[in-house]
Amino acid sequence: MRYPPTNQHANGDLEQIRTDYQHLFDQESVLWTDSTARVSF
């Protein structure tokens, strides 16, 4: 997910999404990265 770095509420909004996802799908953790990086799974 990408968001403008100038958005002051983005961190709180994204944290809420992570929390909701963890509870909804019974996950122990949800990956979060704040840097620009390329990943491969």
C-alpha atoms as a PDB file:
ATOM      1  CA  MET A   1       0.000   0.000   0.000  1.00  0.00           C
ATOM      2  CA  ARG A   2       1.350   3.414  -0.851  1.00  0.00           C
ATOM      3  CA  TYR A   3       0.388   6.698   0.716  1.00  0.00           C
ATOM      4  CA  PRO A   4       1.715  10.252   0.596  1.00  0.00           C
ATOM      5  CA  PRO A   5       4.413  10.723   3.250  1.00  0.00           C
ATOM      6  CA  THR A   6       2.939  14.133   4.061  1.00  0.00           C
ATOM      7  CA  ASN A   7      -0.335  12.563   5.252  1.00  0.00           C
ATOM      8  CA  GLN A   8      -0.285  13.101   9.026  1.00  0.00           C
ATOM      9  CA  HIS A   9      -2.990  10.505   9.706  1.00  0.00           C
ATOM     10  CA  ALA A  10      -1.589   7.734   7.498  1.00  0.00           C
ATOM     11  CA  ASN A  11       0.305   5.861  10.250  1.00  0.00           C
ATOM     12  CA  GLY A  12      -2.734   5.665  12.514  1.00  0.00           C
ATOM     13  CA  ASP A  13      -4.987   4.643   9.629  1.00  0.00           C
ATOM     14  CA  LEU A  14      -2.563   1.934   8.503  1.00  0.00           C
ATOM     15  CA  GLU A  15      -2.132   0.647  12.045  1.00  0.00           C
ATOM     16  CA  GLN A  16      -5.915   0.302  12.308  1.00  0.00           C
ATOM     17  CA  ILE A  17      -5.985  -1.673   9.056  1.00  0.00           C
ATOM     18  CA  ARG A  18      -3.242  -3.990  10.383  1.00  0.00           C
ATOM     19  CA  THR A  19      -5.079  -4.499  13.669  1.00  0.00           C
ATOM     20  CA  ASP A  20      -8.390  -5.217  11.917  1.00  0.00           C
ATOM     21  CA  TYR A  21      -6.687  -7.656   9.527  1.00  0.00           C
ATOM     22  CA  GLN A  22      -4.996  -9.511  12.398  1.00  0.00           C
ATOM     23  CA  HIS A  23      -8.290  -9.997  14.203  1.00  0.00           C
ATOM     24  CA  LEU A  24     -10.387 -10.751  11.132  1.00  0.00           C
ATOM     25  CA  PHE A  25      -8.021 -13.398   9.761  1.00  0.00           C
ATOM     26  CA  ASP A  26      -6.665 -14.642  13.112  1.00  0.00           C
ATOM     27  CA  GLN A  27      -3.074 -13.669  12.282  1.00  0.00           C
ATOM     28  CA  GLU A  28      -0.231 -13.453  14.782  1.00  0.00           C
ATOM     29  CA  SER A  29       1.460 -10.652  12.883  1.00  0.00           C
ATOM     30  CA  VAL A  30       1.219  -8.514   9.758  1.00  0.00           C
ATOM     31  CA  LEU A  31       4.288  -7.301   7.883  1.00  0.00           C
ATOM     32  CA  TRP A  32       4.939  -3.560   7.894  1.00  0.00           C
ATOM     33  CA  THR A  33       7.801  -1.760   6.188  1.00  0.00           C
ATOM     34  CA  ASP A  34       8.305   1.984   6.083  1.00  0.00           C
ATOM     35  CA  SER A  35      11.072   1.999   3.532  1.00  0.00           C
ATOM     36  CA  THR A  36      10.999   1.775  -0.198  1.00  0.00           C
ATOM     37  CA  ALA A  37      12.181  -1.713  -1.012  1.00  0.00           C
ATOM     38  CA  ARG A  38      11.588  -4.470  -3.459  1.00  0.00           C
ATOM     39  CA  VAL A  39      10.575  -7.797  -2.027  1.00  0.00           C
ATOM     40  CA  SER A  40      10.006 -11.213  -3.472  1.00  0.00           C
ATOM     41  CA  PHE A  41       8.118 -14.158  -2.019  1.00  0.00           C
END
